[in-house]
Amino acid sequence: MKKYLYSIVLATLILMSTTVVNAANEVYYKNRKNIEMTETEYNNLLALGFTERHIEGMNEEEFLANKDLDATLLSSSKKYIKTTTAMRNGIKVTTYREITEEEAMEEKKLQSQNVPNRGPAGNYYDGVYSNSVFAMTVNISSVGSTYMRFMNNAEWIVMPSDRYNDVIGIGIESDKVQMSTGVIFEENWLTTGGSPGEDETCTPKETSTGGLAIFELPDVSIQTLYMTIYFNVMKKANVGTITSLYATGDYAHAISSVPASNLLSHISINYSAGLMIDGTYGGSFLSNPSVAASFQGTW
């Protein structure tokens, strides 16, 4: 009788164990590239700061490099920025305003309804204007006790009319941390016809104060456009315990063509000032207000 009961208990434990293993390996999500993910893998990617949109188009190489990282999202900060460029007495004047998510979606709705961008006077010399809406999210994630992941996710909600080489970057506190990987960049979009597109091509710049990527906006009719840049950081030697840490995400939009090779030596980034483009090409870019994520704790 005891042997019989023992066999039943053992069989039950094996069945329960198998069920748990199967649940852990069960396909939770399949992206558009047919990459199958378990729930744990999917949540690991979210904890690293990847957006659902990024995961949707993630390639196998990036998935394999990140799926098993046990990360914790420590900080996330997001801003919506509306940029208005108007003609006043024949001169372009650009203004910025931080808006709510609801206002951003209303602007997108107006764009989809083809509401004309036209000011009071309604002529090119005075009154014609254009709006664009931009969102930027900066994340700090811890991966074990060795390093942290800094990520900047940017999105054009209302598309800009100028399509040249833009810049996205993250500034770091160089007295506390240093980059331990190179810059990883990707932009992906959805055309007005509903077709997805992506490009990882960029000209990176990695310095002691942060990393950035110069990239070209797609010259197609698009309804959504997302950009992501990220890298890992580690403590600098002899820093000791860190109780606060900042990552500053920034973005510069080009209004005229500047080759990436020319721009490299004229652009820099740090956590306090964000992206800086010197006078040689400063007039060729519109700079959005930067977004800072901050970690307060013990590392």
C-alpha atoms as a PDB file:
ATOM      1  CA  MET A   1       0.000   0.000   0.000  1.00  0.00           C
ATOM      2  CA  LYS A   2       2.832   2.366   0.913  1.00  0.00           C
ATOM      3  CA  LYS A   3       4.554   1.633  -2.404  1.00  0.00           C
ATOM      4  CA  TYR A   4       1.316   2.403  -4.223  1.00  0.00           C
ATOM      5  CA  LEU A   5       0.869   5.739  -2.439  1.00  0.00           C
ATOM      6  CA  TYR A   6       4.514   6.617  -3.030  1.00  0.00           C
ATOM      7  CA  SER A   7       4.099   5.917  -6.746  1.00  0.00           C
ATOM      8  CA  ILE A   8       1.010   8.144  -6.922  1.00  0.00           C
ATOM      9  CA  VAL A   9       2.791  11.010  -5.116  1.00  0.00           C
ATOM     10  CA  LEU A  10       5.873  10.650  -7.311  1.00  0.00           C
ATOM     11  CA  ALA A  11       3.788  10.607 -10.485  1.00  0.00           C
ATOM     12  CA  THR A  12       1.876  13.685  -9.312  1.00  0.00           C
ATOM     13  CA  LEU A  13       5.100  15.592  -8.580  1.00  0.00           C
ATOM     14  CA  ILE A  14       6.535  14.673 -11.985  1.00  0.00           C
ATOM     15  CA  LEU A  15       3.315  15.803 -13.687  1.00  0.00           C
ATOM     16  CA  MET A  16       3.316  19.106 -11.782  1.00  0.00           C
ATOM     17  CA  SER A  17       6.977  19.688 -12.601  1.00  0.00           C
ATOM     18  CA  THR A  18       6.375  18.960 -16.277  1.00  0.00           C
ATOM     19  CA  THR A  19       3.405  21.329 -16.298  1.00  0.00           C
ATOM     20  CA  VAL A  20       5.511  24.144 -14.798  1.00  0.00           C
ATOM     21  CA  VAL A  21       8.311  23.549 -17.316  1.00  0.00           C
ATOM     22  CA  ASN A  22       5.865  23.490 -20.215  1.00  0.00           C
ATOM     23  CA  ALA A  23       4.221  26.706 -18.974  1.00  0.00           C
ATOM     24  CA  ALA A  24       7.639  28.365 -18.723  1.00  0.00           C
ATOM     25  CA  ASN A  25       8.479  27.342 -22.295  1.00  0.00           C
ATOM     26  CA  GLU A  26       5.058  28.103 -23.729  1.00  0.00           C
ATOM     27  CA  VAL A  27       4.988  30.582 -26.605  1.00  0.00           C
ATOM     28  CA  TYR A  28       3.587  33.827 -25.212  1.00  0.00           C
ATOM     29  CA  TYR A  29       4.248  36.131 -28.161  1.00  0.00           C
ATOM     30  CA  LYS A  30       5.384  35.865 -31.775  1.00  0.00           C
ATOM     31  CA  ASN A  31       6.605  39.022 -33.488  1.00  0.00           C
ATOM     32  CA  ARG A  32       6.337  39.899 -37.159  1.00  0.00           C
ATOM     33  CA  LYS A  33       9.652  38.192 -37.851  1.00  0.00           C
ATOM     34  CA  ASN A  34       8.238  34.931 -36.484  1.00  0.00           C
ATOM     35  CA  ILE A  35      10.426  34.979 -33.381  1.00  0.00           C
ATOM     36  CA  GLU A  36       8.659  33.070 -30.626  1.00  0.00           C
ATOM     37  CA  MET A  37       9.012  34.375 -27.059  1.00  0.00           C
ATOM     38  CA  THR A  38       8.020  33.027 -23.693  1.00  0.00           C
ATOM     39  CA  GLU A  39       6.332  35.311 -21.196  1.00  0.00           C
ATOM     40  CA  THR A  40       9.552  35.511 -19.181  1.00  0.00           C
ATOM     41  CA  GLU A  41      11.592  36.491 -22.222  1.00  0.00           C
ATOM     42  CA  TYR A  42       9.033  39.099 -23.258  1.00  0.00           C
ATOM     43  CA  ASN A  43       8.982  40.624 -19.771  1.00  0.00           C
ATOM     44  CA  ASN A  44      12.792  40.637 -19.673  1.00  0.00           C
ATOM     45  CA  LEU A  45      12.794  42.775 -22.819  1.00  0.00           C
ATOM     46  CA  LEU A  46      10.278  45.210 -21.329  1.00  0.00           C
ATOM     47  CA  ALA A  47      12.382  45.481 -18.153  1.00  0.00           C
ATOM     48  CA  LEU A  48      15.369  46.437 -20.296  1.00  0.00           C
ATOM     49  CA  GLY A  49      13.364  49.382 -21.644  1.00  0.00           C
ATOM     50  CA  PHE A  50      12.326  48.010 -25.039  1.00  0.00           C
ATOM     51  CA  THR A  51       8.922  49.209 -26.196  1.00  0.00           C
ATOM     52  CA  GLU A  52       6.221  46.860 -27.455  1.00  0.00           C
ATOM     53  CA  ARG A  53       6.712  48.365 -30.910  1.00  0.00           C
ATOM     54  CA  HIS A  54      10.446  47.607 -30.829  1.00  0.00           C
ATOM     55  CA  ILE A  55       9.842  44.024 -29.693  1.00  0.00           C
ATOM     56  CA  GLU A  56       7.308  43.612 -32.499  1.00  0.00           C
ATOM     57  CA  GLY A  57      10.061  44.128 -35.076  1.00  0.00           C
ATOM     58  CA  MET A  58      13.047  42.794 -33.095  1.00  0.00           C
ATOM     59  CA  ASN A  59      15.468  40.649 -35.082  1.00  0.00           C
ATOM     60  CA  GLU A  60      16.839  37.330 -33.901  1.00  0.00           C
ATOM     61  CA  GLU A  61      20.331  38.601 -33.083  1.00  0.00           C
ATOM     62  CA  GLU A  62      19.008  41.311 -30.763  1.00  0.00           C
ATOM     63  CA  PHE A  63      16.472  38.940 -29.227  1.00  0.00           C
ATOM     64  CA  LEU A  64      19.086  36.287 -28.417  1.00  0.00           C
ATOM     65  CA  ALA A  65      21.396  38.921 -26.914  1.00  0.00           C
ATOM     66  CA  ASN A  66      18.724  40.240 -24.526  1.00  0.00           C
ATOM     67  CA  LYS A  67      16.050  37.587 -23.861  1.00  0.00           C
ATOM     68  CA  ASP A  68      17.716  36.001 -20.815  1.00  0.00           C
ATOM     69  CA  LEU A  69      18.910  39.186 -19.105  1.00  0.00           C
ATOM     70  CA  ASP A  70      17.222  39.478 -15.730  1.00  0.00           C
ATOM     71  CA  ALA A  71      16.753  43.234 -15.610  1.00  0.00           C
ATOM     72  CA  THR A  72      14.846  45.690 -13.456  1.00  0.00           C
ATOM     73  CA  LEU A  73      13.511  48.947 -14.880  1.00  0.00           C
ATOM     74  CA  LEU A  74      14.653  51.537 -12.326  1.00  0.00           C
ATOM     75  CA  SER A  75      13.583  54.784 -13.931  1.00  0.00           C
ATOM     76  CA  SER A  76      11.589  55.982 -16.932  1.00  0.00           C
ATOM     77  CA  SER A  77      10.895  59.571 -17.945  1.00  0.00           C
ATOM     78  CA  LYS A  78       8.842  60.749 -20.948  1.00  0.00           C
ATOM     79  CA  LYS A  79       7.999  64.059 -22.597  1.00  0.00           C
ATOM     80  CA  TYR A  80       5.750  65.069 -25.489  1.00  0.00           C
ATOM     81  CA  ILE A  81       7.015  68.103 -27.403  1.00  0.00           C
ATOM     82  CA  LYS A  82       5.106  70.149 -29.961  1.00  0.00           C
ATOM     83  CA  THR A  83       7.227  72.183 -32.359  1.00  0.00           C
ATOM     84  CA  THR A  84       5.660  75.011 -34.348  1.00  0.00           C
ATOM     85  CA  THR A  85       7.534  76.742 -37.145  1.00  0.00           C
ATOM     86  CA  ALA A  86       5.827  79.899 -38.432  1.00  0.00           C
ATOM     87  CA  MET A  87       6.646  82.582 -40.971  1.00  0.00           C
ATOM     88  CA  ARG A  88       6.691  86.039 -39.410  1.00  0.00           C
ATOM     89  CA  ASN A  89       7.553  88.879 -41.767  1.00  0.00           C
ATOM     90  CA  GLY A  90       9.317  86.403 -44.024  1.00  0.00           C
ATOM     91  CA  ILE A  91      11.433  84.909 -41.205  1.00  0.00           C
ATOM     92  CA  LYS A  92      11.033  81.393 -39.827  1.00  0.00           C
ATOM     93  CA  VAL A  93      10.381  81.383 -36.088  1.00  0.00           C
ATOM     94  CA  THR A  94      10.372  78.080 -34.185  1.00  0.00           C
ATOM     95  CA  THR A  95       8.794  77.549 -30.779  1.00  0.00           C
ATOM     96  CA  TYR A  96       8.586  74.505 -28.513  1.00  0.00           C
ATOM     97  CA  ARG A  97       5.960  73.516 -25.993  1.00  0.00           C
ATOM     98  CA  GLU A  98       5.665  70.479 -23.764  1.00  0.00           C
ATOM     99  CA  ILE A  99       2.194  68.986 -24.172  1.00  0.00           C
ATOM    100  CA  THR A 100       0.175  66.121 -22.705  1.00  0.00           C
ATOM    101  CA  GLU A 101      -0.330  62.734 -24.321  1.00  0.00           C
ATOM    102  CA  GLU A 102      -3.960  63.686 -25.009  1.00  0.00           C
ATOM    103  CA  GLU A 103      -2.864  66.837 -26.841  1.00  0.00           C
ATOM    104  CA  ALA A 104      -0.328  64.815 -28.838  1.00  0.00           C
ATOM    105  CA  MET A 105      -3.006  62.362 -29.960  1.00  0.00           C
ATOM    106  CA  GLU A 106      -5.295  65.254 -30.917  1.00  0.00           C
ATOM    107  CA  GLU A 107      -2.540  66.704 -33.108  1.00  0.00           C
ATOM    108  CA  LYS A 108      -2.104  63.301 -34.762  1.00  0.00           C
ATOM    109  CA  LYS A 109      -5.849  63.144 -35.377  1.00  0.00           C
ATOM    110  CA  LEU A 110      -5.785  66.569 -37.038  1.00  0.00           C
ATOM    111  CA  GLN A 111      -2.924  65.451 -39.256  1.00  0.00           C
ATOM    112  CA  SER A 112      -4.830  62.347 -40.336  1.00  0.00           C
ATOM    113  CA  GLN A 113      -7.777  64.574 -41.273  1.00  0.00           C
ATOM    114  CA  ASN A 114      -5.483  66.711 -43.440  1.00  0.00           C
ATOM    115  CA  VAL A 115      -6.235  69.889 -41.516  1.00  0.00           C
ATOM    116  CA  PRO A 116      -4.104  72.520 -43.302  1.00  0.00           C
ATOM    117  CA  ASN A 117      -1.152  74.080 -41.530  1.00  0.00           C
ATOM    118  CA  ARG A 118      -2.053  77.714 -42.074  1.00  0.00           C
ATOM    119  CA  GLY A 119      -1.848  80.693 -39.808  1.00  0.00           C
ATOM    120  CA  PRO A 120      -4.007  83.818 -39.601  1.00  0.00           C
ATOM    121  CA  ALA A 121      -2.700  85.612 -42.679  1.00  0.00           C
ATOM    122  CA  GLY A 122      -2.523  82.470 -44.804  1.00  0.00           C
ATOM    123  CA  ASN A 123       0.365  83.389 -47.074  1.00  0.00           C
ATOM    124  CA  TYR A 124       3.977  82.285 -47.242  1.00  0.00           C
ATOM    125  CA  TYR A 125       5.389  85.627 -46.125  1.00  0.00           C
ATOM    126  CA  ASP A 126       3.386  85.796 -42.914  1.00  0.00           C
ATOM    127  CA  GLY A 127       1.178  83.197 -41.281  1.00  0.00           C
ATOM    128  CA  VAL A 128       1.971  79.842 -42.850  1.00  0.00           C
ATOM    129  CA  TYR A 129       3.071  77.419 -40.173  1.00  0.00           C
ATOM    130  CA  SER A 130       3.832  73.745 -39.633  1.00  0.00           C
ATOM    131  CA  ASN A 131       3.491  71.600 -36.535  1.00  0.00           C
ATOM    132  CA  SER A 132       5.292  68.441 -35.542  1.00  0.00           C
ATOM    133  CA  VAL A 133       4.925  66.391 -32.377  1.00  0.00           C
ATOM    134  CA  PHE A 134       7.692  64.360 -30.863  1.00  0.00           C
ATOM    135  CA  ALA A 135       7.885  62.054 -27.836  1.00  0.00           C
ATOM    136  CA  MET A 136      11.005  60.860 -26.045  1.00  0.00           C
ATOM    137  CA  THR A 137      11.346  58.277 -23.264  1.00  0.00           C
ATOM    138  CA  VAL A 138      14.582  57.689 -21.365  1.00  0.00           C
ATOM    139  CA  ASN A 139      15.060  54.524 -19.296  1.00  0.00           C
ATOM    140  CA  ILE A 140      17.585  53.260 -16.770  1.00  0.00           C
ATOM    141  CA  SER A 141      17.598  49.510 -16.078  1.00  0.00           C
ATOM    142  CA  SER A 142      19.841  47.442 -13.851  1.00  0.00           C
ATOM    143  CA  VAL A 143      21.158  44.119 -15.097  1.00  0.00           C
ATOM    144  CA  GLY A 144      22.457  42.224 -12.105  1.00  0.00           C
ATOM    145  CA  SER A 145      25.036  44.122 -10.075  1.00  0.00           C
ATOM    146  CA  THR A 146      27.591  44.582 -12.845  1.00  0.00           C
ATOM    147  CA  TYR A 147      26.105  47.120 -15.222  1.00  0.00           C
ATOM    148  CA  MET A 148      23.122  49.267 -16.156  1.00  0.00           C
ATOM    149  CA  ARG A 149      21.348  49.746 -19.464  1.00  0.00           C
ATOM    150  CA  PHE A 150      20.634  53.304 -20.663  1.00  0.00           C
ATOM    151  CA  MET A 151      18.030  53.610 -23.414  1.00  0.00           C
ATOM    152  CA  ASN A 152      16.402  56.448 -25.338  1.00  0.00           C
ATOM    153  CA  ASN A 153      13.187  55.671 -27.237  1.00  0.00           C
ATOM    154  CA  ALA A 154      12.019  58.492 -29.513  1.00  0.00           C
ATOM    155  CA  GLU A 155       8.873  58.726 -31.628  1.00  0.00           C
ATOM    156  CA  TRP A 156       7.565  61.134 -34.230  1.00  0.00           C
ATOM    157  CA  ILE A 157       3.809  61.369 -33.647  1.00  0.00           C
ATOM    158  CA  VAL A 158       3.227  64.119 -36.187  1.00  0.00           C
ATOM    159  CA  MET A 159       5.859  63.788 -38.889  1.00  0.00           C
ATOM    160  CA  PRO A 160       8.325  66.569 -39.717  1.00  0.00           C
ATOM    161  CA  SER A 161       8.456  67.799 -43.308  1.00  0.00           C
ATOM    162  CA  ASP A 162      12.288  67.930 -43.401  1.00  0.00           C
ATOM    163  CA  ARG A 163      14.010  64.554 -43.899  1.00  0.00           C
ATOM    164  CA  TYR A 164      17.792  64.683 -43.493  1.00  0.00           C
ATOM    165  CA  ASN A 165      20.349  63.379 -40.992  1.00  0.00           C
ATOM    166  CA  ASP A 166      18.951  63.568 -37.450  1.00  0.00           C
ATOM    167  CA  VAL A 167      20.796  62.840 -34.204  1.00  0.00           C
ATOM    168  CA  ILE A 168      19.745  60.882 -31.112  1.00  0.00           C
ATOM    169  CA  GLY A 169      21.877  60.336 -28.027  1.00  0.00           C
ATOM    170  CA  ILE A 170      22.270  59.721 -24.301  1.00  0.00           C
ATOM    171  CA  GLY A 171      24.539  61.694 -21.987  1.00  0.00           C
ATOM    172  CA  ILE A 172      26.119  60.027 -18.939  1.00  0.00           C
ATOM    173  CA  GLU A 173      27.777  61.166 -15.707  1.00  0.00           C
ATOM    174  CA  SER A 174      31.375  60.619 -16.738  1.00  0.00           C
ATOM    175  CA  ASP A 175      32.736  60.968 -13.209  1.00  0.00           C
ATOM    176  CA  LYS A 176      30.691  57.939 -12.098  1.00  0.00           C
ATOM    177  CA  VAL A 177      30.231  55.594 -15.057  1.00  0.00           C
ATOM    178  CA  GLN A 178      31.677  54.710 -18.438  1.00  0.00           C
ATOM    179  CA  MET A 179      30.217  53.043 -21.502  1.00  0.00           C
ATOM    180  CA  SER A 180      30.866  49.299 -21.472  1.00  0.00           C
ATOM    181  CA  THR A 181      29.345  48.589 -24.900  1.00  0.00           C
ATOM    182  CA  GLY A 182      29.098  50.464 -28.135  1.00  0.00           C
ATOM    183  CA  VAL A 183      26.013  52.343 -29.328  1.00  0.00           C
ATOM    184  CA  ILE A 184      23.171  50.180 -30.628  1.00  0.00           C
ATOM    185  CA  PHE A 185      20.657  51.981 -32.841  1.00  0.00           C
ATOM    186  CA  GLU A 186      17.529  51.189 -34.810  1.00  0.00           C
ATOM    187  CA  GLU A 187      14.734  53.140 -36.471  1.00  0.00           C
ATOM    188  CA  ASN A 188      11.515  51.514 -37.607  1.00  0.00           C
ATOM    189  CA  TRP A 189       8.418  52.889 -39.252  1.00  0.00           C
ATOM    190  CA  LEU A 190       5.026  52.138 -40.677  1.00  0.00           C
ATOM    191  CA  THR A 191       4.171  53.570 -44.088  1.00  0.00           C
ATOM    192  CA  THR A 192       0.835  55.204 -44.780  1.00  0.00           C
ATOM    193  CA  GLY A 193      -0.014  52.032 -46.672  1.00  0.00           C
ATOM    194  CA  GLY A 194       0.612  49.935 -43.557  1.00  0.00           C
ATOM    195  CA  SER A 195       3.954  48.372 -44.557  1.00  0.00           C
ATOM    196  CA  PRO A 196       6.673  48.128 -41.867  1.00  0.00           C
ATOM    197  CA  GLY A 197      10.239  49.269 -42.478  1.00  0.00           C
ATOM    198  CA  GLU A 198      13.427  49.437 -40.454  1.00  0.00           C
ATOM    199  CA  ASP A 199      17.049  50.494 -40.643  1.00  0.00           C
ATOM    200  CA  GLU A 200      19.996  50.042 -38.293  1.00  0.00           C
ATOM    201  CA  THR A 201      22.338  52.182 -40.367  1.00  0.00           C
ATOM    202  CA  CYS A 202      23.907  55.041 -38.431  1.00  0.00           C
ATOM    203  CA  THR A 203      27.134  56.892 -37.811  1.00  0.00           C
ATOM    204  CA  PRO A 204      27.862  56.428 -34.094  1.00  0.00           C
ATOM    205  CA  LYS A 205      29.960  58.558 -31.788  1.00  0.00           C
ATOM    206  CA  GLU A 206      31.062  57.199 -28.417  1.00  0.00           C
ATOM    207  CA  THR A 207      32.848  59.382 -25.882  1.00  0.00           C
ATOM    208  CA  SER A 208      33.495  59.491 -22.149  1.00  0.00           C
ATOM    209  CA  THR A 209      30.399  61.694 -21.714  1.00  0.00           C
ATOM    210  CA  GLY A 210      27.909  59.602 -23.696  1.00  0.00           C
ATOM    211  CA  GLY A 211      26.955  58.073 -27.009  1.00  0.00           C
ATOM    212  CA  LEU A 212      24.994  59.270 -30.022  1.00  0.00           C
ATOM    213  CA  ALA A 213      23.926  58.139 -33.471  1.00  0.00           C
ATOM    214  CA  ILE A 214      23.573  60.189 -36.660  1.00  0.00           C
ATOM    215  CA  PHE A 215      21.004  58.650 -38.961  1.00  0.00           C
ATOM    216  CA  GLU A 216      18.890  59.494 -41.994  1.00  0.00           C
ATOM    217  CA  LEU A 217      15.110  59.776 -41.764  1.00  0.00           C
ATOM    218  CA  PRO A 218      13.284  57.557 -44.283  1.00  0.00           C
ATOM    219  CA  ASP A 219      12.196  59.384 -47.419  1.00  0.00           C
ATOM    220  CA  VAL A 220       8.858  57.598 -47.743  1.00  0.00           C
ATOM    221  CA  SER A 221       5.295  58.435 -46.779  1.00  0.00           C
ATOM    222  CA  ILE A 222       5.031  57.283 -43.157  1.00  0.00           C
ATOM    223  CA  GLN A 223       2.438  57.384 -40.412  1.00  0.00           C
ATOM    224  CA  THR A 224       4.645  56.337 -37.473  1.00  0.00           C
ATOM    225  CA  LEU A 225       8.388  56.526 -36.896  1.00  0.00           C
ATOM    226  CA  TYR A 226      10.331  55.207 -33.897  1.00  0.00           C
ATOM    227  CA  MET A 227      14.032  55.455 -33.023  1.00  0.00           C
ATOM    228  CA  THR A 228      15.922  53.603 -30.297  1.00  0.00           C
ATOM    229  CA  ILE A 229      19.461  54.011 -29.027  1.00  0.00           C
ATOM    230  CA  TYR A 230      20.967  52.137 -26.087  1.00  0.00           C
ATOM    231  CA  PHE A 231      24.190  50.986 -24.483  1.00  0.00           C
ATOM    232  CA  ASN A 232      25.421  49.561 -21.192  1.00  0.00           C
ATOM    233  CA  VAL A 233      27.393  51.453 -18.554  1.00  0.00           C
ATOM    234  CA  MET A 234      29.568  50.232 -15.704  1.00  0.00           C
ATOM    235  CA  LYS A 235      31.110  51.936 -12.701  1.00  0.00           C
ATOM    236  CA  LYS A 236      34.395  53.678 -13.181  1.00  0.00           C
ATOM    237  CA  ALA A 237      37.310  52.337 -11.170  1.00  0.00           C
ATOM    238  CA  ASN A 238      37.439  53.387  -7.508  1.00  0.00           C
ATOM    239  CA  VAL A 239      34.048  55.132  -7.602  1.00  0.00           C
ATOM    240  CA  GLY A 240      32.587  53.093  -4.732  1.00  0.00           C
ATOM    241  CA  THR A 241      28.881  53.075  -3.939  1.00  0.00           C
ATOM    242  CA  ILE A 242      26.676  55.137  -6.244  1.00  0.00           C
ATOM    243  CA  THR A 243      23.476  56.529  -4.688  1.00  0.00           C
ATOM    244  CA  SER A 244      22.207  58.581  -7.636  1.00  0.00           C
ATOM    245  CA  LEU A 245      22.655  58.381 -11.373  1.00  0.00           C
ATOM    246  CA  TYR A 246      21.330  60.392 -14.323  1.00  0.00           C
ATOM    247  CA  ALA A 247      20.892  59.568 -18.004  1.00  0.00           C
ATOM    248  CA  THR A 248      19.951  62.417 -20.332  1.00  0.00           C
ATOM    249  CA  GLY A 249      18.293  61.616 -23.632  1.00  0.00           C
ATOM    250  CA  ASP A 250      18.332  64.187 -26.410  1.00  0.00           C
ATOM    251  CA  TYR A 251      17.417  64.551 -30.074  1.00  0.00           C
ATOM    252  CA  ALA A 252      18.305  67.057 -32.790  1.00  0.00           C
ATOM    253  CA  HIS A 253      16.213  67.355 -35.945  1.00  0.00           C
ATOM    254  CA  ALA A 254      17.877  68.598 -39.142  1.00  0.00           C
ATOM    255  CA  ILE A 255      16.206  71.289 -41.218  1.00  0.00           C
ATOM    256  CA  SER A 256      18.923  71.232 -43.877  1.00  0.00           C
ATOM    257  CA  SER A 257      21.301  68.600 -45.188  1.00  0.00           C
ATOM    258  CA  VAL A 258      24.537  67.993 -43.269  1.00  0.00           C
ATOM    259  CA  PRO A 259      26.643  64.913 -44.131  1.00  0.00           C
ATOM    260  CA  ALA A 260      27.289  62.694 -41.110  1.00  0.00           C
ATOM    261  CA  SER A 261      31.038  62.746 -41.777  1.00  0.00           C
ATOM    262  CA  ASN A 262      31.030  66.556 -41.542  1.00  0.00           C
ATOM    263  CA  LEU A 263      28.887  66.637 -38.410  1.00  0.00           C
ATOM    264  CA  LEU A 264      30.888  64.167 -36.311  1.00  0.00           C
ATOM    265  CA  SER A 265      33.576  66.593 -35.179  1.00  0.00           C
ATOM    266  CA  HIS A 266      31.055  69.356 -34.445  1.00  0.00           C
ATOM    267  CA  ILE A 267      28.682  67.495 -32.125  1.00  0.00           C
ATOM    268  CA  SER A 268      28.935  66.271 -28.534  1.00  0.00           C
ATOM    269  CA  ILE A 269      26.715  65.104 -25.687  1.00  0.00           C
ATOM    270  CA  ASN A 270      26.780  65.041 -21.894  1.00  0.00           C
ATOM    271  CA  TYR A 271      24.251  64.506 -19.130  1.00  0.00           C
ATOM    272  CA  SER A 272      23.963  68.148 -18.045  1.00  0.00           C
ATOM    273  CA  ALA A 273      23.625  69.916 -21.412  1.00  0.00           C
ATOM    274  CA  GLY A 274      22.424  67.136 -23.708  1.00  0.00           C
ATOM    275  CA  LEU A 275      23.330  67.358 -27.398  1.00  0.00           C
ATOM    276  CA  MET A 276      25.511  70.287 -28.428  1.00  0.00           C
ATOM    277  CA  ILE A 277      26.183  71.279 -32.040  1.00  0.00           C
ATOM    278  CA  ASP A 278      28.674  74.069 -32.535  1.00  0.00           C
ATOM    279  CA  GLY A 279      28.158  77.163 -34.640  1.00  0.00           C
ATOM    280  CA  THR A 280      29.338  75.529 -37.850  1.00  0.00           C
ATOM    281  CA  TYR A 281      26.133  73.489 -38.135  1.00  0.00           C
ATOM    282  CA  GLY A 282      24.064  74.713 -35.208  1.00  0.00           C
ATOM    283  CA  GLY A 283      21.673  76.571 -37.506  1.00  0.00           C
ATOM    284  CA  SER A 284      20.928  73.372 -39.435  1.00  0.00           C
ATOM    285  CA  PHE A 285      19.240  71.656 -36.488  1.00  0.00           C
ATOM    286  CA  LEU A 286      16.269  72.102 -34.189  1.00  0.00           C
ATOM    287  CA  SER A 287      16.973  70.728 -30.730  1.00  0.00           C
ATOM    288  CA  ASN A 288      14.149  69.272 -28.673  1.00  0.00           C
ATOM    289  CA  PRO A 289      14.171  69.760 -24.892  1.00  0.00           C
ATOM    290  CA  SER A 290      16.133  66.909 -23.329  1.00  0.00           C
ATOM    291  CA  VAL A 291      14.639  64.219 -21.084  1.00  0.00           C
ATOM    292  CA  ALA A 292      16.442  62.941 -17.977  1.00  0.00           C
ATOM    293  CA  ALA A 293      15.881  59.680 -16.143  1.00  0.00           C
ATOM    294  CA  SER A 294      17.287  59.448 -12.630  1.00  0.00           C
ATOM    295  CA  PHE A 295      18.120  56.537 -10.330  1.00  0.00           C
ATOM    296  CA  GLN A 296      18.114  57.044  -6.580  1.00  0.00           C
ATOM    297  CA  GLY A 297      19.303  54.053  -4.588  1.00  0.00           C
ATOM    298  CA  THR A 298      22.408  52.002  -3.928  1.00  0.00           C
ATOM    299  CA  TRP A 299      24.636  50.537  -6.591  1.00  0.00           C
END
